[in-house]
Amino acid sequence: MDMDFGISNKIELYKRLTPALNCKVRELKREKINYIKNEDIWNFLLKTRWENVKGLDLSSMVDDILNLNNDELEKYVSNKLTNFDSDNIVKDEIELL
């Protein structure tokens, strides 16, 4: 992920994207999907969309968050919960840091 917009690390980027993540979580809750959190959306997009993208800008990331397919996200999180093990938890927490 190429961060070319004045943000030096993933924690800072996560903080900048928090309003969009919060908005998506509220949308999911209106759809009765209550178990997905900001971190789930963040990890999903890091792994599936942003990992190898060059020249990614903040507005594109916000767009990805807000227009994320809820079914895809639900499948990802459900799969994580189904295949729950301590290694996955540690990896996701490290990605945030």
PDB file of N, CA and C in Angstrom:
ATOM      1  N   MET A   1       0.860  -1.162   0.000  1.00  0.00           N
ATOM      2  CA  MET A   1       0.000   0.000   0.000  1.00  0.00           C
ATOM      3  C   MET A   1       0.907   1.226   0.000  1.00  0.00           C
ATOM      4  N   ASP A   2       0.695   2.069  -0.949  1.00  0.00           N
ATOM      5  CA  ASP A   2       1.496   3.278  -1.102  1.00  0.00           C
ATOM      6  C   ASP A   2       0.723   4.450  -0.518  1.00  0.00           C
ATOM      7  N   MET A   3       1.187   4.967   0.617  1.00  0.00           N
ATOM      8  CA  MET A   3       0.516   6.091   1.268  1.00  0.00           C
ATOM      9  C   MET A   3       1.238   7.365   0.866  1.00  0.00           C
ATOM     10  N   ASP A   4       0.678   8.068  -0.078  1.00  0.00           N
ATOM     11  CA  ASP A   4       1.343   9.224  -0.656  1.00  0.00           C
ATOM     12  C   ASP A   4       0.612  10.518  -0.324  1.00  0.00           C
ATOM     13  N   PHE A   5      -0.069  10.573   0.825  1.00  0.00           N
ATOM     14  CA  PHE A   5      -0.885  11.738   1.123  1.00  0.00           C
ATOM     15  C   PHE A   5      -0.661  12.262   2.530  1.00  0.00           C
ATOM     16  N   GLY A   6       0.608  12.329   2.922  1.00  0.00           N
ATOM     17  CA  GLY A   6       0.963  12.953   4.187  1.00  0.00           C
ATOM     18  C   GLY A   6       0.686  12.133   5.428  1.00  0.00           C
ATOM     19  N   ILE A   7       0.463  10.840   5.284  1.00  0.00           N
ATOM     20  CA  ILE A   7       0.222   9.966   6.423  1.00  0.00           C
ATOM     21  C   ILE A   7       1.378   8.977   6.475  1.00  0.00           C
ATOM     22  N   SER A   8       2.013   8.899   7.622  1.00  0.00           N
ATOM     23  CA  SER A   8       3.259   8.154   7.696  1.00  0.00           C
ATOM     24  C   SER A   8       3.128   6.700   8.156  1.00  0.00           C
ATOM     25  N   ASN A   9       1.992   6.319   8.744  1.00  0.00           N
ATOM     26  CA  ASN A   9       1.874   4.933   9.202  1.00  0.00           C
ATOM     27  C   ASN A   9       0.414   4.488   9.214  1.00  0.00           C
ATOM     28  N   LYS A  10       0.221   3.199   9.429  1.00  0.00           N
ATOM     29  CA  LYS A  10      -1.130   2.632   9.377  1.00  0.00           C
ATOM     30  C   LYS A  10      -2.024   3.112  10.515  1.00  0.00           C
ATOM     31  N   ILE A  11      -1.441   3.378  11.666  1.00  0.00           N
ATOM     32  CA  ILE A  11      -2.261   3.850  12.792  1.00  0.00           C
ATOM     33  C   ILE A  11      -2.851   5.218  12.468  1.00  0.00           C
ATOM     34  N   GLU A  12      -2.028   6.091  11.927  1.00  0.00           N
ATOM     35  CA  GLU A  12      -2.492   7.422  11.539  1.00  0.00           C
ATOM     36  C   GLU A  12      -3.554   7.323  10.440  1.00  0.00           C
ATOM     37  N   LEU A  13      -3.326   6.445   9.483  1.00  0.00           N
ATOM     38  CA  LEU A  13      -4.292   6.245   8.402  1.00  0.00           C
ATOM     39  C   LEU A  13      -5.613   5.715   8.956  1.00  0.00           C
ATOM     40  N   TYR A  14      -5.531   4.743   9.853  1.00  0.00           N
ATOM     41  CA  TYR A  14      -6.739   4.189  10.475  1.00  0.00           C
ATOM     42  C   TYR A  14      -7.538   5.295  11.172  1.00  0.00           C
ATOM     43  N   LYS A  15      -6.838   6.156  11.889  1.00  0.00           N
ATOM     44  CA  LYS A  15      -7.515   7.259  12.588  1.00  0.00           C
ATOM     45  C   LYS A  15      -8.197   8.196  11.604  1.00  0.00           C
ATOM     46  N   ARG A  16      -7.539   8.465  10.478  1.00  0.00           N
ATOM     47  CA  ARG A  16      -8.137   9.348   9.466  1.00  0.00           C
ATOM     48  C   ARG A  16      -9.362   8.721   8.826  1.00  0.00           C
ATOM     49  N   LEU A  17      -9.371   7.401   8.736  1.00  0.00           N
ATOM     50  CA  LEU A  17     -10.489   6.700   8.097  1.00  0.00           C
ATOM     51  C   LEU A  17     -11.595   6.304   9.079  1.00  0.00           C
ATOM     52  N   THR A  18     -11.387   6.541  10.361  1.00  0.00           N
ATOM     53  CA  THR A  18     -12.360   6.140  11.374  1.00  0.00           C
ATOM     54  C   THR A  18     -13.768   6.684  11.112  1.00  0.00           C
ATOM     55  N   PRO A  19     -13.957   7.945  10.714  1.00  0.00           N
ATOM     56  CA  PRO A  19     -15.335   8.393  10.444  1.00  0.00           C
ATOM     57  C   PRO A  19     -16.032   7.568   9.354  1.00  0.00           C
ATOM     58  N   ALA A  20     -15.320   7.211   8.308  1.00  0.00           N
ATOM     59  CA  ALA A  20     -15.917   6.382   7.243  1.00  0.00           C
ATOM     60  C   ALA A  20     -16.191   4.977   7.762  1.00  0.00           C
ATOM     61  N   LEU A  21     -15.276   4.431   8.549  1.00  0.00           N
ATOM     62  CA  LEU A  21     -15.481   3.103   9.130  1.00  0.00           C
ATOM     63  C   LEU A  21     -16.697   3.106  10.055  1.00  0.00           C
ATOM     64  N   ASN A  22     -16.815   4.141  10.872  1.00  0.00           N
ATOM     65  CA  ASN A  22     -17.981   4.266  11.767  1.00  0.00           C
ATOM     66  C   ASN A  22     -19.281   4.334  10.975  1.00  0.00           C
ATOM     67  N   CYS A  23     -19.261   5.068   9.894  1.00  0.00           N
ATOM     68  CA  CYS A  23     -20.440   5.204   9.033  1.00  0.00           C
ATOM     69  C   CYS A  23     -20.853   3.839   8.468  1.00  0.00           C
ATOM     70  N   LYS A  24     -19.870   3.065   8.016  1.00  0.00           N
ATOM     71  CA  LYS A  24     -20.160   1.739   7.461  1.00  0.00           C
ATOM     72  C   LYS A  24     -20.707   0.806   8.538  1.00  0.00           C
ATOM     73  N   VAL A  25     -20.147   0.866   9.720  1.00  0.00           N
ATOM     74  CA  VAL A  25     -20.640   0.033  10.822  1.00  0.00           C
ATOM     75  C   VAL A  25     -22.091   0.388  11.155  1.00  0.00           C
ATOM     76  N   ARG A  26     -22.415   1.676  11.163  1.00  0.00           N
ATOM     77  CA  ARG A  26     -23.817   2.096  11.405  1.00  0.00           C
ATOM     78  C   ARG A  26     -24.741   1.553  10.318  1.00  0.00           C
ATOM     79  N   GLU A  27     -24.282   1.612   9.066  1.00  0.00           N
ATOM     80  CA  GLU A  27     -25.083   1.055   7.965  1.00  0.00           C
ATOM     81  C   GLU A  27     -25.318  -0.432   8.180  1.00  0.00           C
ATOM     82  N   LEU A  28     -24.284  -1.150   8.558  1.00  0.00           N
ATOM     83  CA  LEU A  28     -24.411  -2.588   8.801  1.00  0.00           C
ATOM     84  C   LEU A  28     -25.397  -2.863   9.932  1.00  0.00           C
ATOM     85  N   LYS A  29     -25.349  -2.065  10.973  1.00  0.00           N
ATOM     86  CA  LYS A  29     -26.276  -2.246  12.094  1.00  0.00           C
ATOM     87  C   LYS A  29     -27.719  -2.020  11.666  1.00  0.00           C
ATOM     88  N   ARG A  30     -27.939  -1.060  10.758  1.00  0.00           N
ATOM     89  CA  ARG A  30     -29.298  -0.844  10.226  1.00  0.00           C
ATOM     90  C   ARG A  30     -29.770  -2.065   9.445  1.00  0.00           C
ATOM     91  N   GLU A  31     -28.819  -2.809   8.883  1.00  0.00           N
ATOM     92  CA  GLU A  31     -29.126  -4.039   8.138  1.00  0.00           C
ATOM     93  C   GLU A  31     -29.172  -5.257   9.064  1.00  0.00           C
ATOM     94  N   LYS A  32     -29.101  -5.014  10.376  1.00  0.00           N
ATOM     95  CA  LYS A  32     -29.122  -6.077  11.399  1.00  0.00           C
ATOM     96  C   LYS A  32     -27.859  -6.939  11.378  1.00  0.00           C
ATOM     97  N   ILE A  33     -26.760  -6.363  10.949  1.00  0.00           N
ATOM     98  CA  ILE A  33     -25.454  -7.037  10.981  1.00  0.00           C
ATOM     99  C   ILE A  33     -24.675  -6.349  12.101  1.00  0.00           C
ATOM    100  N   ASN A  34     -24.787  -6.912  13.299  1.00  0.00           N
ATOM    101  CA  ASN A  34     -24.278  -6.235  14.490  1.00  0.00           C
ATOM    102  C   ASN A  34     -22.895  -6.681  14.940  1.00  0.00           C
ATOM    103  N   TYR A  35     -22.367  -7.726  14.370  1.00  0.00           N
ATOM    104  CA  TYR A  35     -21.115  -8.287  14.879  1.00  0.00           C
ATOM    105  C   TYR A  35     -19.870  -7.768  14.154  1.00  0.00           C
ATOM    106  N   ILE A  36     -20.020  -6.994  13.097  1.00  0.00           N
ATOM    107  CA  ILE A  36     -18.873  -6.479  12.348  1.00  0.00           C
ATOM    108  C   ILE A  36     -18.432  -5.148  12.933  1.00  0.00           C
ATOM    109  N   LYS A  37     -17.153  -5.039  13.179  1.00  0.00           N
ATOM    110  CA  LYS A  37     -16.559  -3.851  13.801  1.00  0.00           C
ATOM    111  C   LYS A  37     -15.661  -3.119  12.806  1.00  0.00           C
ATOM    112  N   ASN A  38     -15.258  -1.918  13.179  1.00  0.00           N
ATOM    113  CA  ASN A  38     -14.338  -1.121  12.351  1.00  0.00           C
ATOM    114  C   ASN A  38     -13.113  -1.924  11.935  1.00  0.00           C
ATOM    115  N   GLU A  39     -12.544  -2.643  12.886  1.00  0.00           N
ATOM    116  CA  GLU A  39     -11.324  -3.402  12.632  1.00  0.00           C
ATOM    117  C   GLU A  39     -11.534  -4.487  11.588  1.00  0.00           C
ATOM    118  N   ASP A  40     -12.731  -5.077  11.556  1.00  0.00           N
ATOM    119  CA  ASP A  40     -13.032  -6.102  10.558  1.00  0.00           C
ATOM    120  C   ASP A  40     -13.015  -5.508   9.151  1.00  0.00           C
ATOM    121  N   ILE A  41     -13.622  -4.346   9.012  1.00  0.00           N
ATOM    122  CA  ILE A  41     -13.655  -3.669   7.713  1.00  0.00           C
ATOM    123  C   ILE A  41     -12.238  -3.299   7.295  1.00  0.00           C
ATOM    124  N   TRP A  42     -11.485  -2.725   8.219  1.00  0.00           N
ATOM    125  CA  TRP A  42     -10.098  -2.330   7.977  1.00  0.00           C
ATOM    126  C   TRP A  42      -9.259  -3.519   7.499  1.00  0.00           C
ATOM    127  N   ASN A  43      -9.313  -4.620   8.258  1.00  0.00           N
ATOM    128  CA  ASN A  43      -8.519  -5.801   7.902  1.00  0.00           C
ATOM    129  C   ASN A  43      -8.950  -6.397   6.566  1.00  0.00           C
ATOM    130  N   PHE A  44     -10.253  -6.426   6.323  1.00  0.00           N
ATOM    131  CA  PHE A  44     -10.759  -6.950   5.051  1.00  0.00           C
ATOM    132  C   PHE A  44     -10.210  -6.146   3.875  1.00  0.00           C
ATOM    133  N   LEU A  45     -10.304  -4.842   3.961  1.00  0.00           N
ATOM    134  CA  LEU A  45      -9.841  -4.006   2.855  1.00  0.00           C
ATOM    135  C   LEU A  45      -8.319  -4.023   2.724  1.00  0.00           C
ATOM    136  N   LEU A  46      -7.605  -4.081   3.835  1.00  0.00           N
ATOM    137  CA  LEU A  46      -6.146  -4.188   3.762  1.00  0.00           C
ATOM    138  C   LEU A  46      -5.741  -5.440   2.990  1.00  0.00           C
ATOM    139  N   LYS A  47      -6.405  -6.539   3.278  1.00  0.00           N
ATOM    140  CA  LYS A  47      -6.030  -7.817   2.677  1.00  0.00           C
ATOM    141  C   LYS A  47      -6.557  -8.005   1.261  1.00  0.00           C
ATOM    142  N   THR A  48      -7.726  -7.455   0.977  1.00  0.00           N
ATOM    143  CA  THR A  48      -8.350  -7.756  -0.317  1.00  0.00           C
ATOM    144  C   THR A  48      -8.223  -6.653  -1.355  1.00  0.00           C
ATOM    145  N   ARG A  49      -8.055  -5.411  -0.936  1.00  0.00           N
ATOM    146  CA  ARG A  49      -8.064  -4.320  -1.913  1.00  0.00           C
ATOM    147  C   ARG A  49      -6.832  -3.434  -1.883  1.00  0.00           C
ATOM    148  N   TRP A  50      -6.293  -3.166  -0.716  1.00  0.00           N
ATOM    149  CA  TRP A  50      -5.275  -2.125  -0.599  1.00  0.00           C
ATOM    150  C   TRP A  50      -3.851  -2.640  -0.511  1.00  0.00           C
ATOM    151  N   GLU A  51      -3.680  -3.922  -0.331  1.00  0.00           N
ATOM    152  CA  GLU A  51      -2.364  -4.483  -0.033  1.00  0.00           C
ATOM    153  C   GLU A  51      -1.279  -4.125  -1.048  1.00  0.00           C
ATOM    154  N   ASN A  52      -1.564  -4.268  -2.319  1.00  0.00           N
ATOM    155  CA  ASN A  52      -0.539  -4.048  -3.341  1.00  0.00           C
ATOM    156  C   ASN A  52      -0.853  -2.893  -4.283  1.00  0.00           C
ATOM    157  N   VAL A  53      -1.696  -1.978  -3.842  1.00  0.00           N
ATOM    158  CA  VAL A  53      -2.102  -0.863  -4.695  1.00  0.00           C
ATOM    159  C   VAL A  53      -1.102   0.279  -4.580  1.00  0.00           C
ATOM    160  N   LYS A  54      -0.692   0.810  -5.707  1.00  0.00           N
ATOM    161  CA  LYS A  54       0.204   1.974  -5.745  1.00  0.00           C
ATOM    162  C   LYS A  54      -0.628   3.220  -6.039  1.00  0.00           C
ATOM    163  N   GLY A  55      -0.261   4.328  -5.413  1.00  0.00           N
ATOM    164  CA  GLY A  55      -0.926   5.595  -5.677  1.00  0.00           C
ATOM    165  C   GLY A  55      -2.334   5.694  -5.127  1.00  0.00           C
ATOM    166  N   LEU A  56      -2.623   4.938  -4.098  1.00  0.00           N
ATOM    167  CA  LEU A  56      -3.945   4.957  -3.471  1.00  0.00           C
ATOM    168  C   LEU A  56      -4.129   6.270  -2.716  1.00  0.00           C
ATOM    169  N   ASP A  57      -5.264   6.928  -2.923  1.00  0.00           N
ATOM    170  CA  ASP A  57      -5.498   8.183  -2.208  1.00  0.00           C
ATOM    171  C   ASP A  57      -6.614   8.007  -1.173  1.00  0.00           C
ATOM    172  N   LEU A  58      -6.677   8.949  -0.268  1.00  0.00           N
ATOM    173  CA  LEU A  58      -7.610   8.880   0.850  1.00  0.00           C
ATOM    174  C   LEU A  58      -9.063   8.811   0.375  1.00  0.00           C
ATOM    175  N   SER A  59      -9.398   9.576  -0.639  1.00  0.00           N
ATOM    176  CA  SER A  59     -10.790   9.566  -1.120  1.00  0.00           C
ATOM    177  C   SER A  59     -11.168   8.205  -1.706  1.00  0.00           C
ATOM    178  N   SER A  60     -10.234   7.537  -2.357  1.00  0.00           N
ATOM    179  CA  SER A  60     -10.503   6.191  -2.887  1.00  0.00           C
ATOM    180  C   SER A  60     -10.715   5.198  -1.755  1.00  0.00           C
ATOM    181  N   MET A  61      -9.953   5.366  -0.691  1.00  0.00           N
ATOM    182  CA  MET A  61     -10.105   4.471   0.455  1.00  0.00           C
ATOM    183  C   MET A  61     -11.459   4.676   1.130  1.00  0.00           C
ATOM    184  N   VAL A  62     -11.863   5.926   1.278  1.00  0.00           N
ATOM    185  CA  VAL A  62     -13.184   6.220   1.855  1.00  0.00           C
ATOM    186  C   VAL A  62     -14.272   5.627   0.957  1.00  0.00           C
ATOM    187  N   ASP A  63     -14.117   5.793  -0.347  1.00  0.00           N
ATOM    188  CA  ASP A  63     -15.077   5.228  -1.298  1.00  0.00           C
ATOM    189  C   ASP A  63     -15.150   3.708  -1.159  1.00  0.00           C
ATOM    190  N   ASP A  64     -13.994   3.053  -1.027  1.00  0.00           N
ATOM    191  CA  ASP A  64     -13.971   1.598  -0.836  1.00  0.00           C
ATOM    192  C   ASP A  64     -14.729   1.195   0.414  1.00  0.00           C
ATOM    193  N   ILE A  65     -14.547   1.950   1.489  1.00  0.00           N
ATOM    194  CA  ILE A  65     -15.226   1.644   2.753  1.00  0.00           C
ATOM    195  C   ILE A  65     -16.741   1.796   2.603  1.00  0.00           C
ATOM    196  N   LEU A  66     -17.161   2.932   2.080  1.00  0.00           N
ATOM    197  CA  LEU A  66     -18.590   3.224   2.020  1.00  0.00           C
ATOM    198  C   LEU A  66     -19.340   2.367   1.002  1.00  0.00           C
ATOM    199  N   ASN A  67     -18.653   1.937  -0.045  1.00  0.00           N
ATOM    200  CA  ASN A  67     -19.305   1.148  -1.091  1.00  0.00           C
ATOM    201  C   ASN A  67     -18.969  -0.332  -1.036  1.00  0.00           C
ATOM    202  N   LEU A  68     -18.404  -0.744   0.072  1.00  0.00           N
ATOM    203  CA  LEU A  68     -18.045  -2.137   0.266  1.00  0.00           C
ATOM    204  C   LEU A  68     -19.290  -3.013   0.242  1.00  0.00           C
ATOM    205  N   ASN A  69     -19.204  -4.103  -0.472  1.00  0.00           N
ATOM    206  CA  ASN A  69     -20.308  -5.054  -0.555  1.00  0.00           C
ATOM    207  C   ASN A  69     -20.486  -5.730   0.802  1.00  0.00           C
ATOM    208  N   ASN A  70     -21.635  -5.562   1.402  1.00  0.00           N
ATOM    209  CA  ASN A  70     -21.893  -6.108   2.732  1.00  0.00           C
ATOM    210  C   ASN A  70     -21.816  -7.631   2.758  1.00  0.00           C
ATOM    211  N   ASP A  71     -22.258  -8.275   1.689  1.00  0.00           N
ATOM    212  CA  ASP A  71     -22.208  -9.742   1.634  1.00  0.00           C
ATOM    213  C   ASP A  71     -20.771 -10.254   1.636  1.00  0.00           C
ATOM    214  N   GLU A  72     -19.896  -9.607   0.849  1.00  0.00           N
ATOM    215  CA  GLU A  72     -18.478  -9.994   0.825  1.00  0.00           C
ATOM    216  C   GLU A  72     -17.862  -9.848   2.207  1.00  0.00           C
ATOM    217  N   LEU A  73     -18.147  -8.737   2.842  1.00  0.00           N
ATOM    218  CA  LEU A  73     -17.607  -8.467   4.164  1.00  0.00           C
ATOM    219  C   LEU A  73     -18.127  -9.487   5.174  1.00  0.00           C
ATOM    220  N   GLU A  74     -19.404  -9.775   5.107  1.00  0.00           N
ATOM    221  CA  GLU A  74     -19.998 -10.762   6.019  1.00  0.00           C
ATOM    222  C   GLU A  74     -19.358 -12.136   5.844  1.00  0.00           C
ATOM    223  N   LYS A  75     -19.128 -12.539   4.597  1.00  0.00           N
ATOM    224  CA  LYS A  75     -18.483 -13.832   4.345  1.00  0.00           C
ATOM    225  C   LYS A  75     -17.077 -13.857   4.926  1.00  0.00           C
ATOM    226  N   TYR A  76     -16.333 -12.772   4.744  1.00  0.00           N
ATOM    227  CA  TYR A  76     -14.972 -12.678   5.275  1.00  0.00           C
ATOM    228  C   TYR A  76     -14.977 -12.802   6.799  1.00  0.00           C
ATOM    229  N   VAL A  77     -15.826 -12.025   7.466  1.00  0.00           N
ATOM    230  CA  VAL A  77     -15.858 -12.033   8.927  1.00  0.00           C
ATOM    231  C   VAL A  77     -16.390 -13.364   9.436  1.00  0.00           C
ATOM    232  N   SER A  78     -17.411 -13.907   8.798  1.00  0.00           N
ATOM    233  CA  SER A  78     -17.948 -15.202   9.208  1.00  0.00           C
ATOM    234  C   SER A  78     -16.889 -16.285   9.086  1.00  0.00           C
ATOM    235  N   ASN A  79     -16.122 -16.237   8.006  1.00  0.00           N
ATOM    236  CA  ASN A  79     -15.043 -17.193   7.805  1.00  0.00           C
ATOM    237  C   ASN A  79     -13.990 -17.052   8.897  1.00  0.00           C
ATOM    238  N   LYS A  80     -13.660 -15.816   9.260  1.00  0.00           N
ATOM    239  CA  LYS A  80     -12.694 -15.580  10.331  1.00  0.00           C
ATOM    240  C   LYS A  80     -13.222 -16.148  11.646  1.00  0.00           C
ATOM    241  N   LEU A  81     -14.506 -15.958  11.911  1.00  0.00           N
ATOM    242  CA  LEU A  81     -15.086 -16.464  13.151  1.00  0.00           C
ATOM    243  C   LEU A  81     -15.156 -17.985  13.146  1.00  0.00           C
ATOM    244  N   THR A  82     -15.470 -18.575  11.994  1.00  0.00           N
ATOM    245  CA  THR A  82     -15.556 -20.017  11.871  1.00  0.00           C
ATOM    246  C   THR A  82     -14.188 -20.661  12.049  1.00  0.00           C
ATOM    247  N   ASN A  83     -13.185 -20.055  11.460  1.00  0.00           N
ATOM    248  CA  ASN A  83     -11.827 -20.585  11.534  1.00  0.00           C
ATOM    249  C   ASN A  83     -11.027 -19.924  12.642  1.00  0.00           C
ATOM    250  N   PHE A  84     -11.716 -19.510  13.668  1.00  0.00           N
ATOM    251  CA  PHE A  84     -11.115 -18.789  14.785  1.00  0.00           C
ATOM    252  C   PHE A  84      -9.967 -19.578  15.395  1.00  0.00           C
ATOM    253  N   ASP A  85      -8.824 -18.917  15.490  1.00  0.00           N
ATOM    254  CA  ASP A  85      -7.711 -19.440  16.271  1.00  0.00           C
ATOM    255  C   ASP A  85      -6.844 -18.273  16.705  1.00  0.00           C
ATOM    256  N   SER A  86      -6.030 -18.491  17.676  1.00  0.00           N
ATOM    257  CA  SER A  86      -5.257 -17.398  18.249  1.00  0.00           C
ATOM    258  C   SER A  86      -4.287 -16.778  17.251  1.00  0.00           C
ATOM    259  N   ASP A  87      -3.792 -17.534  16.285  1.00  0.00           N
ATOM    260  CA  ASP A  87      -2.879 -16.983  15.282  1.00  0.00           C
ATOM    261  C   ASP A  87      -3.556 -15.896  14.461  1.00  0.00           C
ATOM    262  N   ASN A  88      -4.811 -16.103  14.054  1.00  0.00           N
ATOM    263  CA  ASN A  88      -5.525 -15.097  13.276  1.00  0.00           C
ATOM    264  C   ASN A  88      -5.728 -13.823  14.075  1.00  0.00           C
ATOM    265  N   ILE A  89      -6.050 -13.942  15.344  1.00  0.00           N
ATOM    266  CA  ILE A  89      -6.254 -12.761  16.176  1.00  0.00           C
ATOM    267  C   ILE A  89      -4.973 -11.958  16.273  1.00  0.00           C
ATOM    268  N   VAL A  90      -3.879 -12.622  16.523  1.00  0.00           N
ATOM    269  CA  VAL A  90      -2.599 -11.930  16.642  1.00  0.00           C
ATOM    270  C   VAL A  90      -2.239 -11.239  15.332  1.00  0.00           C
ATOM    271  N   LYS A  91      -2.425 -11.906  14.198  1.00  0.00           N
ATOM    272  CA  LYS A  91      -2.095 -11.312  12.905  1.00  0.00           C
ATOM    273  C   LYS A  91      -2.921 -10.056  12.640  1.00  0.00           C
ATOM    274  N   ASP A  92      -4.218 -10.092  12.930  1.00  0.00           N
ATOM    275  CA  ASP A  92      -5.066  -8.936  12.697  1.00  0.00           C
ATOM    276  C   ASP A  92      -4.684  -7.776  13.598  1.00  0.00           C
ATOM    277  N   GLU A  93      -4.370  -8.059  14.842  1.00  0.00           N
ATOM    278  CA  GLU A  93      -3.975  -6.975  15.741  1.00  0.00           C
ATOM    279  C   GLU A  93      -2.667  -6.347  15.306  1.00  0.00           C
ATOM    280  N   ILE A  94      -1.753  -7.162  14.801  1.00  0.00           N
ATOM    281  CA  ILE A  94      -0.472  -6.636  14.336  1.00  0.00           C
ATOM    282  C   ILE A  94      -0.673  -5.780  13.099  1.00  0.00           C
ATOM    283  N   GLU A  95      -1.567  -6.167  12.211  1.00  0.00           N
ATOM    284  CA  GLU A  95      -1.809  -5.380  11.007  1.00  0.00           C
ATOM    285  C   GLU A  95      -2.271  -3.973  11.354  1.00  0.00           C
ATOM    286  N   LEU A  96      -3.064  -3.839  12.388  1.00  0.00           N
ATOM    287  CA  LEU A  96      -3.538  -2.534  12.797  1.00  0.00           C
ATOM    288  C   LEU A  96      -2.380  -1.673  13.283  1.00  0.00           C
ATOM    289  N   LEU A  97      -1.411  -2.296  13.920  1.00  0.00           N
ATOM    290  CA  LEU A  97      -0.259  -1.562  14.427  1.00  0.00           C
ATOM    291  C   LEU A  97       0.754  -1.466  13.345  1.00  0.00           C
TER     292      LEU A  97
END
